[in-house]
Protein backbone atom coordinates (compact mmCIF):
# COMPACT_ATOMS: atom_id res chain seq x y z
CA MET A 1 -4.87 -25.37 -11.03
CA ASN A 2 -4.70 -21.87 -9.58
CA ILE A 3 -1.47 -19.98 -10.23
CA VAL A 4 -2.59 -17.02 -8.10
CA GLU A 5 -4.73 -17.07 -4.95
CA ILE A 6 -5.52 -13.81 -3.18
CA GLU A 7 -7.49 -13.80 0.05
CA ASN A 8 -8.84 -10.68 1.76
CA ILE A 9 -6.00 -8.44 0.60
CA VAL A 10 -5.89 -4.96 2.11
CA LYS A 11 -3.27 -2.37 1.18
CA ILE A 12 -2.98 0.91 3.05
CA TYR A 13 -0.30 3.45 2.21
CA GLU A 14 0.77 5.44 5.23
CA ALA A 15 1.80 9.04 4.55
CA LYS A 16 3.48 11.29 7.09
CA LYS A 17 1.10 13.94 8.43
CA LYS A 18 -1.49 12.86 5.86
CA VAL A 19 -4.57 10.67 5.93
CA PRO A 20 -3.68 7.02 5.12
CA VAL A 21 -4.77 5.92 1.65
CA GLN A 22 -6.49 2.56 1.26
CA ALA A 23 -5.50 1.30 -2.19
CA LEU A 24 -7.09 -2.17 -1.85
CA ASN A 25 -10.03 -3.13 0.32
CA ASP A 26 -10.64 -6.84 1.06
CA VAL A 27 -9.82 -8.19 -2.41
CA SER A 28 -10.09 -11.96 -3.01
CA LEU A 29 -9.34 -13.61 -6.37
CA LYS A 30 -8.26 -16.92 -7.87
CA ILE A 31 -6.57 -17.03 -11.26
CA GLU A 32 -6.02 -20.32 -13.04
CA ALA A 33 -2.85 -21.25 -14.91
CA GLY A 34 -3.13 -20.35 -18.59
CA GLU A 35 -5.59 -17.47 -18.13
CA PHE A 36 -5.41 -14.29 -20.25
CA THR A 37 -6.86 -11.83 -17.76
CA ALA A 38 -7.26 -8.07 -17.65
CA ILE A 39 -7.63 -6.08 -14.44
CA ALA A 40 -9.28 -2.83 -15.50
CA GLY A 41 -10.36 0.34 -13.78
CA PRO A 42 -9.85 4.10 -13.72
CA SER A 43 -6.64 5.74 -12.53
CA GLY A 44 -6.32 5.36 -8.77
CA SER A 45 -8.64 2.35 -8.63
CA GLY A 46 -5.94 0.05 -7.22
CA LYS A 47 -5.27 -2.11 -10.29
CA THR A 48 -1.52 -1.40 -10.46
CA THR A 49 -1.19 -1.94 -6.69
CA LEU A 50 -2.89 -5.30 -7.09
CA LEU A 51 -0.58 -6.26 -9.97
CA ASN A 52 2.47 -5.21 -7.91
CA ILE A 53 1.33 -7.35 -4.98
CA ILE A 54 0.82 -10.37 -7.27
CA GLY A 55 4.31 -9.70 -8.67
CA CYS A 56 5.92 -9.53 -5.21
CA LEU A 57 6.97 -5.92 -5.86
CA ASP A 58 4.81 -4.71 -2.98
CA LYS A 59 3.47 -6.30 0.20
CA PRO A 60 -0.14 -6.19 1.39
CA THR A 61 -1.02 -4.60 4.71
CA SER A 62 -3.04 -7.71 5.49
CA GLY A 63 -4.38 -10.76 3.70
CA LYS A 64 -2.88 -13.77 1.97
CA ILE A 65 -1.17 -14.04 -1.43
CA ILE A 66 -0.10 -17.36 -2.97
CA VAL A 67 1.67 -17.43 -6.34
CA ASN A 68 2.60 -20.70 -8.05
CA SER A 69 1.80 -22.60 -4.80
CA GLN A 70 4.18 -20.39 -2.78
CA ASN A 71 2.92 -18.33 0.16
CA MET A 72 4.59 -14.95 -0.34
CA ALA A 73 4.47 -14.13 3.39
CA SER A 74 6.93 -16.95 4.09
CA LEU A 75 9.68 -15.44 1.91
CA ASN A 76 12.26 -12.86 2.98
CA ARG A 77 13.49 -10.06 0.72
CA ASN A 78 16.20 -12.12 -0.99
CA GLU A 79 13.88 -15.09 -1.46
CA LEU A 80 11.25 -12.83 -3.01
CA ALA A 81 13.83 -11.48 -5.47
CA GLU A 82 14.83 -15.03 -6.39
CA PHE A 83 11.19 -16.04 -6.79
CA ARG A 84 10.54 -13.12 -9.16
CA LEU A 85 13.64 -14.00 -11.18
CA ASN A 86 12.73 -17.66 -11.62
CA HIS A 87 8.94 -17.64 -11.87
CA LEU A 88 7.66 -14.26 -13.08
CA GLY A 89 7.97 -12.05 -16.14
CA PHE A 90 7.21 -8.32 -16.18
CA ILE A 91 6.17 -5.98 -19.00
CA PHE A 92 6.07 -2.30 -18.06
CA GLN A 93 4.34 0.70 -19.60
CA ALA A 94 7.67 2.56 -19.97
CA TYR A 95 9.48 -0.55 -21.38
CA ASN A 96 12.24 -0.32 -18.70
CA LEU A 97 15.00 -1.34 -21.10
CA ILE A 98 18.59 -0.67 -20.04
CA PRO A 99 19.84 2.23 -22.24
CA VAL A 100 23.46 1.07 -22.57
CA LEU A 101 22.56 -2.47 -23.65
CA THR A 102 21.54 -3.62 -27.12
CA ALA A 103 18.14 -5.15 -27.82
CA GLU A 104 19.69 -8.62 -27.66
CA GLU A 105 21.53 -7.87 -24.40
CA ASN A 106 18.35 -6.46 -22.83
CA ALA A 107 16.42 -9.59 -23.72
CA GLU A 108 19.26 -11.79 -22.40
CA PHE A 109 19.52 -9.94 -19.10
CA MET A 110 17.21 -12.17 -17.05
CA LEU A 111 18.96 -15.28 -18.38
CA LEU A 112 22.31 -13.80 -17.41
CA LEU A 113 21.03 -13.38 -13.84
CA GLN A 114 19.90 -17.01 -13.95
CA ASN A 115 23.42 -18.08 -14.98
CA VAL A 116 22.26 -19.50 -18.32
CA GLY A 117 25.19 -20.13 -20.68
CA ALA A 118 25.93 -17.78 -23.60
CA GLY A 119 24.94 -20.24 -26.33
CA GLU A 120 21.59 -21.04 -24.73
CA ARG A 121 20.92 -17.33 -24.07
CA HIS A 122 21.53 -16.50 -27.72
CA ARG A 123 19.33 -19.37 -28.93
CA ARG A 124 16.39 -18.42 -26.70
CA VAL A 125 16.57 -14.72 -27.59
CA LYS A 126 16.68 -15.48 -31.32
CA GLU A 127 13.69 -17.78 -30.89
CA GLU A 128 11.60 -15.21 -29.00
CA PHE A 129 12.59 -12.40 -31.38
CA ALA A 130 11.49 -14.55 -34.33
CA GLU A 131 8.16 -15.32 -32.61
CA LEU A 132 7.56 -11.61 -32.01
CA GLY A 133 8.62 -10.55 -35.51
CA ILE A 134 11.72 -8.65 -34.33
CA GLU A 135 14.15 -8.44 -37.27
CA ASP A 136 17.76 -9.63 -36.88
CA GLU A 137 18.97 -6.15 -37.85
CA LEU A 138 17.56 -4.80 -34.56
CA LEU A 139 19.61 -7.15 -32.36
CA LYS A 140 22.56 -4.77 -31.97
CA ARG A 141 20.55 -1.56 -31.67
CA ARG A 142 20.20 0.23 -28.35
CA PRO A 143 16.76 1.32 -27.05
CA ASN A 144 17.14 4.93 -28.30
CA GLU A 145 17.56 3.52 -31.82
CA LEU A 146 14.25 1.64 -31.66
CA SER A 147 10.66 2.79 -32.09
CA GLY A 148 8.24 2.51 -29.17
CA GLY A 149 6.69 -0.61 -30.67
CA GLN A 150 10.09 -2.21 -31.20
CA GLN A 151 11.12 -1.41 -27.62
CA GLN A 152 7.96 -2.96 -26.25
CA ARG A 153 8.49 -6.10 -28.35
CA VAL A 154 11.99 -6.40 -26.90
CA ALA A 155 10.47 -5.96 -23.42
CA VAL A 156 7.98 -8.76 -24.16
CA ALA A 157 10.82 -10.99 -25.41
CA ARG A 158 12.74 -10.27 -22.19
CA ALA A 159 9.68 -11.32 -20.15
CA LEU A 160 9.17 -14.54 -22.13
CA VAL A 161 12.76 -15.69 -22.67
CA SER A 162 13.20 -17.12 -19.17
CA HIS A 163 10.05 -19.26 -19.64
CA PRO A 164 8.12 -17.88 -16.64
CA LYS A 165 4.84 -19.40 -15.47
CA LEU A 166 3.23 -15.96 -15.12
CA ILE A 167 3.65 -12.66 -16.96
CA LEU A 168 2.39 -9.41 -15.43
CA ALA A 169 1.87 -6.52 -17.82
CA ASP A 170 1.20 -3.01 -16.49
CA GLU A 171 -0.45 -0.85 -19.18
CA PRO A 172 1.70 -2.44 -21.92
CA THR A 173 -0.05 -0.59 -24.78
CA ALA A 174 -0.23 2.85 -23.15
CA ASN A 175 2.66 4.34 -25.15
CA LEU A 176 1.87 2.61 -28.44
CA ASP A 177 -0.33 3.64 -31.36
CA SER A 178 -3.46 1.52 -31.80
CA LYS A 179 -2.13 -0.49 -34.77
CA THR A 180 1.15 -1.41 -33.02
CA GLY A 181 -0.63 -2.13 -29.75
CA SER A 182 -3.17 -4.36 -31.48
CA LYS A 183 -0.46 -6.42 -33.22
CA LEU A 184 1.48 -6.83 -29.99
CA LEU A 185 -1.61 -7.97 -28.08
CA ASP A 186 -2.45 -10.49 -30.77
CA LYS A 187 1.08 -11.88 -30.53
CA MET A 188 0.88 -12.14 -26.73
CA LYS A 189 -2.48 -13.92 -26.97
CA GLU A 190 -0.99 -16.33 -29.50
CA MET A 191 1.88 -17.08 -27.12
CA ASN A 192 -0.57 -17.57 -24.27
CA GLU A 193 -2.43 -20.15 -26.33
CA LYS A 194 0.68 -21.90 -27.71
CA LYS A 195 2.77 -21.97 -24.53
CA ASN A 196 0.06 -21.81 -21.83
CA VAL A 197 1.79 -18.83 -20.18
CA THR A 198 -0.55 -16.99 -17.81
CA PHE A 199 -0.93 -13.27 -18.61
CA ILE A 200 -2.41 -10.72 -16.20
CA PHE A 201 -2.79 -7.16 -17.49
CA SER A 202 -3.41 -3.95 -15.60
CA THR A 203 -5.13 -1.67 -18.11
CA HIS A 204 -7.74 0.83 -19.12
CA ASP A 205 -7.21 0.13 -22.83
CA PRO A 206 -10.37 -1.23 -24.55
CA MET A 207 -8.17 -3.30 -26.92
CA VAL A 208 -6.74 -5.24 -23.98
CA MET A 209 -10.16 -5.67 -22.37
CA GLU A 210 -11.68 -6.97 -25.61
CA ARG A 211 -8.97 -9.61 -26.05
CA ALA A 212 -8.95 -10.78 -22.43
CA ARG A 213 -10.76 -14.03 -21.76
CA ARG A 214 -11.51 -12.79 -18.24
CA LEU A 215 -12.16 -9.20 -17.22
CA ILE A 216 -11.87 -8.05 -13.61
CA ILE A 217 -13.12 -4.52 -12.92
CA ILE A 218 -11.74 -2.78 -9.87
CA ARG A 219 -12.96 0.51 -8.45
CA ASP A 220 -11.97 2.31 -5.25
CA GLY A 221 -9.85 -0.69 -4.24
CA LYS A 222 -12.65 -3.25 -4.60
CA VAL A 223 -13.52 -5.80 -7.26
CA VAL A 224 -16.91 -4.70 -8.59
CA GLU A 225 -17.16 -7.08 -11.56
CA ASP A 226 -15.52 -10.35 -12.61
CA ARG A 227 -16.63 -11.93 -15.85
CA LYS A 228 -15.53 -14.27 -18.61
CA ASN A 229 -15.41 -12.74 -22.11
């Protein structure tokens, strides 16, 4: 079963008094549920734009995007926000943790928006933290009291805790040393295999590309290679 279907996607960014920039040019892809896929390419190739369109954070200029059997064009702004909340998880390069919240509160945040009760929130966060090797002593620390690797693990826990069908990760290892990044990738791959969560990465990190079971190369807004690893 396909969790993502993209047909003839074009994305053009209009700039005032400047030449329009075509970020994506007639991109078509199908991604099956349970895949561990990397979209790779140089800076400016269009990989982050493609990830943002899959994640309903951006809209294509033309073309069709279906995620989890839902045609994104049929949803209004509020419906898109609700869809992201209930079906998608996001892992960002800069972690995007809320500075005033503790690690535990950051991980709980999506569940709070979903109106999950306090006891169930606490149980799920503890479970995900244990899976990711996040020590109990870090629960009450704020992001500025955590290392980069610890912050990114909390960000991964936040993405997983709401049990999404699809997780989108934009350069998740970019700010990590190679040892920390490698351990985190191994943990995400393990969770992909155990829980059948679909992961799609935007990356230029060889470690991510090596671990991906499918590698999609994008250049100048076009898919130039698509292969199974």
